[in-house]
Amino acid sequence: MFEFNLPTNELLTRRLRYLIQTEHNGSYAKLFEQLYDEVPDEGRLKLFKAYVDAGNVNGIFIRRLAEKTKIGQVSFSRFFDLYVDNAELFGD
């Protein structure tokens, strides 16, 4: 049996940071607004940033990403492919 350890938290963090940099001018608040249709207060934004930076997300968050960002235009197999870089993944 073949097993490997996919660093999904690290990969997800890299993908999200790239999206934040390229689509939201580095603003976590803008991504939050896009996902939740509201402006976050300082506490919620700090918590949101901590979760994103740690790659600590749940299925509901992944669904929101798929529905409201470019991530929804990418197959799971490509999104989690370690050999596909962010520019190739999200390039227009």
C-alpha atoms as a PDB file:
ATOM      1  CA  MET A   1       0.000   0.000   0.000  1.00  0.00           C
ATOM      2  CA  PHE A   2       1.320   3.428  -0.973  1.00  0.00           C
ATOM      3  CA  GLU A   3       0.864   6.347   1.438  1.00  0.00           C
ATOM      4  CA  PHE A   4       2.008   9.918   1.333  1.00  0.00           C
ATOM      5  CA  ASN A   5       1.472  12.915   3.554  1.00  0.00           C
ATOM      6  CA  LEU A   6      -0.057  15.802   1.651  1.00  0.00           C
ATOM      7  CA  PRO A   7       0.662  19.094   3.458  1.00  0.00           C
ATOM      8  CA  THR A   8      -2.842  20.410   2.834  1.00  0.00           C
ATOM      9  CA  ASN A   9      -2.737  23.175   5.458  1.00  0.00           C
ATOM     10  CA  GLU A  10       0.482  24.607   4.033  1.00  0.00           C
ATOM     11  CA  LEU A  11      -0.711  24.269   0.454  1.00  0.00           C
ATOM     12  CA  LEU A  12      -4.095  25.811   1.239  1.00  0.00           C
ATOM     13  CA  THR A  13      -2.374  28.699   3.009  1.00  0.00           C
ATOM     14  CA  ARG A  14      -0.143  29.356  -0.008  1.00  0.00           C
ATOM     15  CA  ARG A  15      -3.108  29.235  -2.388  1.00  0.00           C
ATOM     16  CA  LEU A  16      -5.174  31.612  -0.250  1.00  0.00           C
ATOM     17  CA  ARG A  17      -2.309  34.068   0.276  1.00  0.00           C
ATOM     18  CA  TYR A  18      -1.749  34.158  -3.471  1.00  0.00           C
ATOM     19  CA  LEU A  19      -5.444  34.832  -4.051  1.00  0.00           C
ATOM     20  CA  ILE A  20      -5.427  37.567  -1.396  1.00  0.00           C
ATOM     21  CA  GLN A  21      -2.368  39.204  -2.967  1.00  0.00           C
ATOM     22  CA  THR A  22      -3.580  39.036  -6.557  1.00  0.00           C
ATOM     23  CA  GLU A  23      -7.326  39.562  -6.188  1.00  0.00           C
ATOM     24  CA  HIS A  24      -7.588  41.663  -3.014  1.00  0.00           C
ATOM     25  CA  ASN A  25      -4.373  43.738  -2.973  1.00  0.00           C
ATOM     26  CA  GLY A  26      -3.152  41.846   0.095  1.00  0.00           C
ATOM     27  CA  SER A  27      -6.265  42.646   2.126  1.00  0.00           C
ATOM     28  CA  TYR A  28      -7.689  39.849   4.250  1.00  0.00           C
ATOM     29  CA  ALA A  29     -10.620  42.168   5.004  1.00  0.00           C
ATOM     30  CA  LYS A  30     -11.544  42.315   1.303  1.00  0.00           C
ATOM     31  CA  LEU A  31     -11.542  38.507   1.063  1.00  0.00           C
ATOM     32  CA  PHE A  32     -13.672  38.342   4.215  1.00  0.00           C
ATOM     33  CA  GLU A  33     -16.138  40.824   2.706  1.00  0.00           C
ATOM     34  CA  GLN A  34     -16.314  38.817  -0.517  1.00  0.00           C
ATOM     35  CA  LEU A  35     -16.994  35.581   1.358  1.00  0.00           C
ATOM     36  CA  TYR A  36     -19.390  36.835   4.024  1.00  0.00           C
ATOM     37  CA  ASP A  37     -20.921  39.966   2.469  1.00  0.00           C
ATOM     38  CA  GLU A  38     -20.071  42.057   5.517  1.00  0.00           C
ATOM     39  CA  VAL A  39     -17.217  44.155   6.847  1.00  0.00           C
ATOM     40  CA  PRO A  40     -15.425  42.343   9.673  1.00  0.00           C
ATOM     41  CA  ASP A  41     -14.748  43.993  12.997  1.00  0.00           C
ATOM     42  CA  GLU A  42     -11.161  43.958  14.243  1.00  0.00           C
ATOM     43  CA  GLY A  43     -11.597  40.800  16.339  1.00  0.00           C
ATOM     44  CA  ARG A  44     -13.225  38.763  13.577  1.00  0.00           C
ATOM     45  CA  LEU A  45     -10.628  39.898  11.062  1.00  0.00           C
ATOM     46  CA  LYS A  46      -7.787  38.909  13.384  1.00  0.00           C
ATOM     47  CA  LEU A  47      -9.334  35.459  13.898  1.00  0.00           C
ATOM     48  CA  PHE A  48     -10.013  35.079  10.163  1.00  0.00           C
ATOM     49  CA  LYS A  49      -6.413  35.964   9.327  1.00  0.00           C
ATOM     50  CA  ALA A  50      -5.091  33.498  11.912  1.00  0.00           C
ATOM     51  CA  TYR A  51      -7.201  30.664  10.494  1.00  0.00           C
ATOM     52  CA  VAL A  52      -6.250  31.448   6.893  1.00  0.00           C
ATOM     53  CA  ASP A  53      -2.544  31.759   7.730  1.00  0.00           C
ATOM     54  CA  ALA A  54      -2.632  28.409   9.519  1.00  0.00           C
ATOM     55  CA  GLY A  55      -4.641  26.732   6.754  1.00  0.00           C
ATOM     56  CA  ASN A  56      -7.080  25.774   9.496  1.00  0.00           C
ATOM     57  CA  VAL A  57     -10.383  25.806   7.622  1.00  0.00           C
ATOM     58  CA  ASN A  58     -13.506  23.662   7.496  1.00  0.00           C
ATOM     59  CA  GLY A  59     -15.826  22.382   4.797  1.00  0.00           C
ATOM     60  CA  ILE A  60     -18.181  25.350   5.056  1.00  0.00           C
ATOM     61  CA  PHE A  61     -15.282  27.713   4.411  1.00  0.00           C
ATOM     62  CA  ILE A  62     -14.096  25.633   1.445  1.00  0.00           C
ATOM     63  CA  ARG A  63     -17.631  25.758   0.035  1.00  0.00           C
ATOM     64  CA  ARG A  64     -17.718  29.562   0.386  1.00  0.00           C
ATOM     65  CA  LEU A  65     -14.369  29.773  -1.388  1.00  0.00           C
ATOM     66  CA  ALA A  66     -15.699  27.604  -4.202  1.00  0.00           C
ATOM     67  CA  GLU A  67     -18.885  29.659  -4.540  1.00  0.00           C
ATOM     68  CA  LYS A  68     -17.381  33.147  -4.295  1.00  0.00           C
ATOM     69  CA  THR A  69     -13.776  33.022  -5.547  1.00  0.00           C
ATOM     70  CA  LYS A  70     -11.701  31.685  -8.433  1.00  0.00           C
ATOM     71  CA  ILE A  71     -11.071  28.566  -6.364  1.00  0.00           C
ATOM     72  CA  GLY A  72     -14.468  27.315  -7.512  1.00  0.00           C
ATOM     73  CA  GLN A  73     -13.209  27.249 -11.092  1.00  0.00           C
ATOM     74  CA  VAL A  74     -10.422  24.796 -10.254  1.00  0.00           C
ATOM     75  CA  SER A  75     -10.838  21.055  -9.778  1.00  0.00           C
ATOM     76  CA  PHE A  76      -9.874  19.627  -6.389  1.00  0.00           C
ATOM     77  CA  SER A  77      -7.224  17.459  -8.002  1.00  0.00           C
ATOM     78  CA  ARG A  78      -5.506  20.529  -9.515  1.00  0.00           C
ATOM     79  CA  PHE A  79      -6.032  22.662  -6.417  1.00  0.00           C
ATOM     80  CA  PHE A  80      -4.215  20.128  -4.236  1.00  0.00           C
ATOM     81  CA  ASP A  81      -1.606  19.156  -6.835  1.00  0.00           C
ATOM     82  CA  LEU A  82       1.775  20.043  -5.330  1.00  0.00           C
ATOM     83  CA  TYR A  83       3.287  20.465  -8.789  1.00  0.00           C
ATOM     84  CA  VAL A  84       0.849  23.137 -10.016  1.00  0.00           C
ATOM     85  CA  ASP A  85       1.978  26.614  -9.030  1.00  0.00           C
ATOM     86  CA  ASN A  86      -0.416  29.373  -8.034  1.00  0.00           C
ATOM     87  CA  ALA A  87       0.079  31.488 -11.162  1.00  0.00           C
ATOM     88  CA  GLU A  88      -0.731  28.495 -13.364  1.00  0.00           C
ATOM     89  CA  LEU A  89      -3.693  27.527 -11.205  1.00  0.00           C
ATOM     90  CA  PHE A  90      -5.364  30.937 -11.063  1.00  0.00           C
ATOM     91  CA  GLY A  91      -4.034  32.506 -14.257  1.00  0.00           C
ATOM     92  CA  ASP A  92      -6.595  34.032 -16.538  1.00  0.00           C
END
